[in-house]
Amino acid sequence: MYPACILLVFCGLLLNAQVNSPTASQLAEMERFSTQPTARVTWSKEVERVTSDQTKAVITALIVEDGAQTPRQMRGIRIDLASQNMKDRVYVGEAFLERLIDALHEISAGIGSFLSRPGGSSRCFGSAAFLAAFREGAHVFHASQCSMADGWFGLSVSTGAATFRFSHLDPSPFASAIARARDELKQH
């Protein structure tokens, strides 16, 4: 009976996280706005570069304005990701920064117990904060801590269009960089 109760609680938490999760359309607002031909970046600040082996991410806080759109201004971050043969750029609106930081902290807090449990040879642990939108096909920053059968360990970042592997990293460099970007936006 006890294991069944744990399973019910876990499923309830997962369902709750998915129900309260933003939609793919909501997450795409910043990218749609920022990539319009009439939009222009009026302020930006590179906050951090996260690198591992041949993979890198550049986190930039930015304010984008466009007199031809409503709203006329959007604030958030841009994460430029690159590895050997791939590049991608993901935008996160200011309204979702706290959720993303919390999701990264959730992964950091849970990875120890997840990896200590017996299980398959390849496994990943992530947050359900943006899972529903990711499954809808959103172009987002979706991270998971992974331990693979081939010996690779690190943070896997999927954008919906590409996957980037940050060897031997956990989510903390991204969480702290995004928190600094959030603070920079509050000052402007």
C-alpha atoms as a PDB file:
ATOM      1  CA  MET A   1       0.000   0.000   0.000  1.00  0.00           C
ATOM      2  CA  TYR A   2       2.798   2.415   0.888  1.00  0.00           C
ATOM      3  CA  PRO A   3       4.510   2.269  -2.568  1.00  0.00           C
ATOM      4  CA  ALA A   4       1.121   2.796  -4.238  1.00  0.00           C
ATOM      5  CA  CYS A   5       0.580   5.959  -2.153  1.00  0.00           C
ATOM      6  CA  ILE A   6       3.983   7.291  -3.186  1.00  0.00           C
ATOM      7  CA  LEU A   7       3.170   6.604  -6.822  1.00  0.00           C
ATOM      8  CA  LEU A   8      -0.158   8.451  -6.527  1.00  0.00           C
ATOM      9  CA  VAL A   9       1.510  11.471  -4.903  1.00  0.00           C
ATOM     10  CA  PHE A  10       4.222  11.533  -7.586  1.00  0.00           C
ATOM     11  CA  CYS A  11       1.650  11.300 -10.403  1.00  0.00           C
ATOM     12  CA  GLY A  12      -0.388  14.064  -8.790  1.00  0.00           C
ATOM     13  CA  LEU A  13       2.652  16.330  -8.585  1.00  0.00           C
ATOM     14  CA  LEU A  14       3.597  15.606 -12.184  1.00  0.00           C
ATOM     15  CA  LEU A  15       0.037  16.244 -13.410  1.00  0.00           C
ATOM     16  CA  ASN A  16      -0.153  19.479 -11.395  1.00  0.00           C
ATOM     17  CA  ALA A  17       3.149  20.676 -12.864  1.00  0.00           C
ATOM     18  CA  GLN A  18       1.929  19.939 -16.388  1.00  0.00           C
ATOM     19  CA  VAL A  19      -1.462  21.614 -15.838  1.00  0.00           C
ATOM     20  CA  ASN A  20       0.206  24.783 -14.526  1.00  0.00           C
ATOM     21  CA  SER A  21       2.835  24.661 -17.246  1.00  0.00           C
ATOM     22  CA  PRO A  22       2.820  27.428 -19.853  1.00  0.00           C
ATOM     23  CA  THR A  23       1.761  26.561 -23.381  1.00  0.00           C
ATOM     24  CA  ALA A  24       4.086  26.425 -26.364  1.00  0.00           C
ATOM     25  CA  SER A  25       2.419  29.563 -27.714  1.00  0.00           C
ATOM     26  CA  GLN A  26       2.988  31.487 -24.466  1.00  0.00           C
ATOM     27  CA  LEU A  27       6.650  30.497 -24.382  1.00  0.00           C
ATOM     28  CA  ALA A  28       7.108  31.498 -28.033  1.00  0.00           C
ATOM     29  CA  GLU A  29       5.848  35.083 -27.561  1.00  0.00           C
ATOM     30  CA  MET A  30       9.301  36.549 -26.858  1.00  0.00           C
ATOM     31  CA  GLU A  31      10.856  34.788 -29.848  1.00  0.00           C
ATOM     32  CA  ARG A  32       8.013  35.775 -32.209  1.00  0.00           C
ATOM     33  CA  PHE A  33       8.243  39.398 -31.065  1.00  0.00           C
ATOM     34  CA  SER A  34      12.046  39.614 -31.161  1.00  0.00           C
ATOM     35  CA  THR A  35      12.485  38.112 -34.610  1.00  0.00           C
ATOM     36  CA  GLN A  36      10.082  40.421 -36.448  1.00  0.00           C
ATOM     37  CA  PRO A  37      11.828  42.602 -39.062  1.00  0.00           C
ATOM     38  CA  THR A  38      10.601  45.784 -37.339  1.00  0.00           C
ATOM     39  CA  ALA A  39      11.855  44.753 -33.874  1.00  0.00           C
ATOM     40  CA  ARG A  40      15.143  46.066 -32.547  1.00  0.00           C
ATOM     41  CA  VAL A  41      17.189  45.391 -29.448  1.00  0.00           C
ATOM     42  CA  THR A  42      17.322  48.635 -27.450  1.00  0.00           C
ATOM     43  CA  TRP A  43      19.395  47.259 -24.582  1.00  0.00           C
ATOM     44  CA  SER A  44      21.348  44.078 -24.036  1.00  0.00           C
ATOM     45  CA  LYS A  45      23.989  42.739 -21.714  1.00  0.00           C
ATOM     46  CA  GLU A  46      25.859  39.469 -22.067  1.00  0.00           C
ATOM     47  CA  VAL A  47      25.615  37.937 -18.617  1.00  0.00           C
ATOM     48  CA  GLU A  48      27.485  34.635 -18.850  1.00  0.00           C
ATOM     49  CA  ARG A  49      29.147  32.099 -21.102  1.00  0.00           C
ATOM     50  CA  VAL A  50      28.736  28.465 -20.081  1.00  0.00           C
ATOM     51  CA  THR A  51      31.127  26.086 -21.811  1.00  0.00           C
ATOM     52  CA  SER A  52      31.918  22.408 -21.715  1.00  0.00           C
ATOM     53  CA  ASP A  53      34.150  20.550 -24.153  1.00  0.00           C
ATOM     54  CA  GLN A  54      33.033  21.839 -27.551  1.00  0.00           C
ATOM     55  CA  THR A  55      29.591  23.065 -26.471  1.00  0.00           C
ATOM     56  CA  LYS A  56      28.844  26.600 -25.345  1.00  0.00           C
ATOM     57  CA  ALA A  57      25.943  28.778 -24.339  1.00  0.00           C
ATOM     58  CA  VAL A  58      25.836  32.563 -24.174  1.00  0.00           C
ATOM     59  CA  ILE A  59      23.144  34.056 -21.929  1.00  0.00           C
ATOM     60  CA  THR A  60      22.161  37.646 -22.755  1.00  0.00           C
ATOM     61  CA  ALA A  61      19.594  39.850 -21.008  1.00  0.00           C
ATOM     62  CA  LEU A  62      17.763  42.046 -23.507  1.00  0.00           C
ATOM     63  CA  ILE A  63      15.011  44.536 -24.101  1.00  0.00           C
ATOM     64  CA  VAL A  64      13.394  44.505 -27.542  1.00  0.00           C
ATOM     65  CA  GLU A  65      11.129  47.254 -28.856  1.00  0.00           C
ATOM     66  CA  ASP A  66       8.864  47.409 -31.884  1.00  0.00           C
ATOM     67  CA  GLY A  67       6.467  50.266 -32.600  1.00  0.00           C
ATOM     68  CA  ALA A  68       4.565  48.106 -35.077  1.00  0.00           C
ATOM     69  CA  GLN A  69       3.570  45.470 -32.498  1.00  0.00           C
ATOM     70  CA  THR A  70       1.533  45.319 -29.323  1.00  0.00           C
ATOM     71  CA  PRO A  71       3.002  45.263 -26.770  1.00  0.00           C
ATOM     72  CA  ARG A  72       5.668  47.682 -27.968  1.00  0.00           C
ATOM     73  CA  GLN A  73       8.368  46.245 -25.715  1.00  0.00           C
ATOM     74  CA  MET A  74       9.361  42.805 -24.446  1.00  0.00           C
ATOM     75  CA  ARG A  75      12.031  41.914 -21.954  1.00  0.00           C
ATOM     76  CA  GLY A  76      13.782  38.636 -21.347  1.00  0.00           C
ATOM     77  CA  ILE A  77      16.847  36.627 -22.234  1.00  0.00           C
ATOM     78  CA  ARG A  78      18.370  35.064 -25.287  1.00  0.00           C
ATOM     79  CA  ILE A  79      20.385  31.869 -24.985  1.00  0.00           C
ATOM     80  CA  ASP A  80      22.680  31.188 -27.929  1.00  0.00           C
ATOM     81  CA  LEU A  81      23.736  27.533 -28.024  1.00  0.00           C
ATOM     82  CA  ALA A  82      26.476  26.063 -30.202  1.00  0.00           C
ATOM     83  CA  SER A  83      28.360  22.811 -30.577  1.00  0.00           C
ATOM     84  CA  GLN A  84      30.458  21.321 -33.358  1.00  0.00           C
ATOM     85  CA  ASN A  85      27.808  21.179 -36.086  1.00  0.00           C
ATOM     86  CA  MET A  86      24.771  22.834 -34.491  1.00  0.00           C
ATOM     87  CA  LYS A  87      23.598  26.274 -33.468  1.00  0.00           C
ATOM     88  CA  ASP A  88      20.314  27.393 -31.991  1.00  0.00           C
ATOM     89  CA  ARG A  89      18.930  30.464 -30.271  1.00  0.00           C
ATOM     90  CA  VAL A  90      16.185  30.348 -27.640  1.00  0.00           C
ATOM     91  CA  TYR A  91      14.314  33.299 -26.132  1.00  0.00           C
ATOM     92  CA  VAL A  92      12.723  33.302 -22.677  1.00  0.00           C
ATOM     93  CA  GLY A  93      10.348  36.114 -21.727  1.00  0.00           C
ATOM     94  CA  GLU A  94      10.800  37.848 -18.398  1.00  0.00           C
ATOM     95  CA  ALA A  95       7.555  36.316 -17.072  1.00  0.00           C
ATOM     96  CA  PHE A  96       9.081  32.818 -17.341  1.00  0.00           C
ATOM     97  CA  LEU A  97      12.568  33.460 -15.941  1.00  0.00           C
ATOM     98  CA  GLU A  98      11.685  32.603 -12.344  1.00  0.00           C
ATOM     99  CA  ARG A  99      10.046  29.348 -13.443  1.00  0.00           C
ATOM    100  CA  LEU A 100      13.130  28.422 -15.458  1.00  0.00           C
ATOM    101  CA  ILE A 101      15.431  29.163 -12.517  1.00  0.00           C
ATOM    102  CA  ASP A 102      13.194  27.094 -10.228  1.00  0.00           C
ATOM    103  CA  ALA A 103      13.180  24.227 -12.751  1.00  0.00           C
ATOM    104  CA  LEU A 104      16.989  24.216 -12.860  1.00  0.00           C
ATOM    105  CA  HIS A 105      17.153  24.245  -9.041  1.00  0.00           C
ATOM    106  CA  GLU A 106      14.648  21.364  -8.968  1.00  0.00           C
ATOM    107  CA  ILE A 107      16.950  19.304 -11.184  1.00  0.00           C
ATOM    108  CA  SER A 108      19.982  20.110  -9.011  1.00  0.00           C
ATOM    109  CA  ALA A 109      18.103  19.193  -5.829  1.00  0.00           C
ATOM    110  CA  GLY A 110      16.743  15.907  -7.146  1.00  0.00           C
ATOM    111  CA  ILE A 111      19.608  14.493  -9.156  1.00  0.00           C
ATOM    112  CA  GLY A 112      21.434  12.883  -6.211  1.00  0.00           C
ATOM    113  CA  SER A 113      18.518  10.729  -5.108  1.00  0.00           C
ATOM    114  CA  PHE A 114      17.567   9.959  -8.718  1.00  0.00           C
ATOM    115  CA  LEU A 115      21.016   8.654  -9.612  1.00  0.00           C
ATOM    116  CA  SER A 116      21.366   6.703  -6.349  1.00  0.00           C
ATOM    117  CA  ARG A 117      18.305   4.576  -7.176  1.00  0.00           C
ATOM    118  CA  PRO A 118      18.895   1.384  -9.134  1.00  0.00           C
ATOM    119  CA  GLY A 119      17.757   1.663 -12.691  1.00  0.00           C
ATOM    120  CA  GLY A 120      18.670   1.354 -16.326  1.00  0.00           C
ATOM    121  CA  SER A 121      22.060   2.137 -17.673  1.00  0.00           C
ATOM    122  CA  SER A 122      21.018   5.384 -19.406  1.00  0.00           C
ATOM    123  CA  ARG A 123      18.782   7.818 -17.612  1.00  0.00           C
ATOM    124  CA  CYS A 124      17.972  11.497 -17.309  1.00  0.00           C
ATOM    125  CA  PHE A 125      16.287  13.628 -14.671  1.00  0.00           C
ATOM    126  CA  GLY A 126      14.535  16.872 -15.546  1.00  0.00           C
ATOM    127  CA  SER A 127      11.811  19.222 -14.406  1.00  0.00           C
ATOM    128  CA  ALA A 128       8.190  19.149 -15.535  1.00  0.00           C
ATOM    129  CA  ALA A 129       7.966  22.973 -15.448  1.00  0.00           C
ATOM    130  CA  PHE A 130       7.949  23.299 -19.252  1.00  0.00           C
ATOM    131  CA  LEU A 131       7.321  19.656 -20.139  1.00  0.00           C
ATOM    132  CA  ALA A 132       3.820  20.138 -21.571  1.00  0.00           C
ATOM    133  CA  ALA A 133       4.997  22.957 -23.853  1.00  0.00           C
ATOM    134  CA  PHE A 134       8.047  20.943 -24.879  1.00  0.00           C
ATOM    135  CA  ARG A 135       5.777  18.039 -25.821  1.00  0.00           C
ATOM    136  CA  GLU A 136       3.626  20.489 -27.833  1.00  0.00           C
ATOM    137  CA  GLY A 137       6.718  21.237 -29.908  1.00  0.00           C
ATOM    138  CA  ALA A 138       7.758  24.496 -28.264  1.00  0.00           C
ATOM    139  CA  HIS A 139      11.148  25.977 -29.065  1.00  0.00           C
ATOM    140  CA  VAL A 140      12.381  26.225 -25.459  1.00  0.00           C
ATOM    141  CA  PHE A 141      15.311  25.696 -23.111  1.00  0.00           C
ATOM    142  CA  HIS A 142      14.581  22.253 -21.651  1.00  0.00           C
ATOM    143  CA  ALA A 143      17.358  20.748 -19.509  1.00  0.00           C
ATOM    144  CA  SER A 144      17.913  17.299 -17.999  1.00  0.00           C
ATOM    145  CA  GLN A 145      20.761  15.900 -15.948  1.00  0.00           C
ATOM    146  CA  CYS A 146      21.858  12.648 -17.586  1.00  0.00           C
ATOM    147  CA  SER A 147      24.021   9.627 -16.952  1.00  0.00           C
ATOM    148  CA  MET A 148      24.402   7.531 -20.090  1.00  0.00           C
ATOM    149  CA  ALA A 149      25.469   3.923 -20.700  1.00  0.00           C
ATOM    150  CA  ASP A 150      28.422   5.091 -22.808  1.00  0.00           C
ATOM    151  CA  GLY A 151      29.895   6.841 -19.737  1.00  0.00           C
ATOM    152  CA  TRP A 152      28.769  10.347 -20.601  1.00  0.00           C
ATOM    153  CA  PHE A 153      27.508  12.407 -17.665  1.00  0.00           C
ATOM    154  CA  GLY A 154      26.289  15.975 -17.793  1.00  0.00           C
ATOM    155  CA  LEU A 155      23.518  18.373 -18.647  1.00  0.00           C
ATOM    156  CA  SER A 156      21.529  17.762 -21.811  1.00  0.00           C
ATOM    157  CA  VAL A 157      19.757  20.840 -23.176  1.00  0.00           C
ATOM    158  CA  SER A 158      17.037  20.276 -25.764  1.00  0.00           C
ATOM    159  CA  THR A 159      15.444  23.164 -27.609  1.00  0.00           C
ATOM    160  CA  GLY A 160      12.918  21.167 -29.598  1.00  0.00           C
ATOM    161  CA  ALA A 161      15.096  21.703 -32.680  1.00  0.00           C
ATOM    162  CA  ALA A 162      18.470  20.478 -31.369  1.00  0.00           C
ATOM    163  CA  THR A 163      20.141  18.892 -28.348  1.00  0.00           C
ATOM    164  CA  PHE A 164      23.339  20.186 -26.758  1.00  0.00           C
ATOM    165  CA  ARG A 165      25.425  18.182 -24.280  1.00  0.00           C
ATOM    166  CA  PHE A 166      27.358  19.958 -21.524  1.00  0.00           C
ATOM    167  CA  SER A 167      29.728  17.274 -20.232  1.00  0.00           C
ATOM    168  CA  HIS A 168      30.318  17.074 -16.475  1.00  0.00           C
ATOM    169  CA  LEU A 169      28.048  20.062 -15.784  1.00  0.00           C
ATOM    170  CA  ASP A 170      24.981  20.342 -13.618  1.00  0.00           C
ATOM    171  CA  PRO A 171      22.267  23.018 -13.994  1.00  0.00           C
ATOM    172  CA  SER A 172      23.791  25.453 -11.470  1.00  0.00           C
ATOM    173  CA  PRO A 173      25.830  27.584 -13.948  1.00  0.00           C
ATOM    174  CA  PHE A 174      22.692  28.134 -16.017  1.00  0.00           C
ATOM    175  CA  ALA A 175      20.531  28.849 -12.954  1.00  0.00           C
ATOM    176  CA  SER A 176      22.958  31.470 -11.618  1.00  0.00           C
ATOM    177  CA  ALA A 177      23.429  33.091 -15.053  1.00  0.00           C
ATOM    178  CA  ILE A 178      19.685  33.336 -15.644  1.00  0.00           C
ATOM    179  CA  ALA A 179      19.212  34.765 -12.134  1.00  0.00           C
ATOM    180  CA  ARG A 180      21.842  37.433 -12.901  1.00  0.00           C
ATOM    181  CA  ALA A 181      20.084  38.209 -16.196  1.00  0.00           C
ATOM    182  CA  ARG A 182      16.770  38.545 -14.337  1.00  0.00           C
ATOM    183  CA  ASP A 183      18.414  40.983 -11.900  1.00  0.00           C
ATOM    184  CA  GLU A 184      19.909  43.018 -14.763  1.00  0.00           C
ATOM    185  CA  LEU A 185      16.465  43.326 -16.323  1.00  0.00           C
ATOM    186  CA  LYS A 186      15.013  44.571 -13.030  1.00  0.00           C
ATOM    187  CA  GLN A 187      17.596  47.379 -13.030  1.00  0.00           C
ATOM    188  CA  HIS A 188      16.569  48.575 -16.512  1.00  0.00           C
END
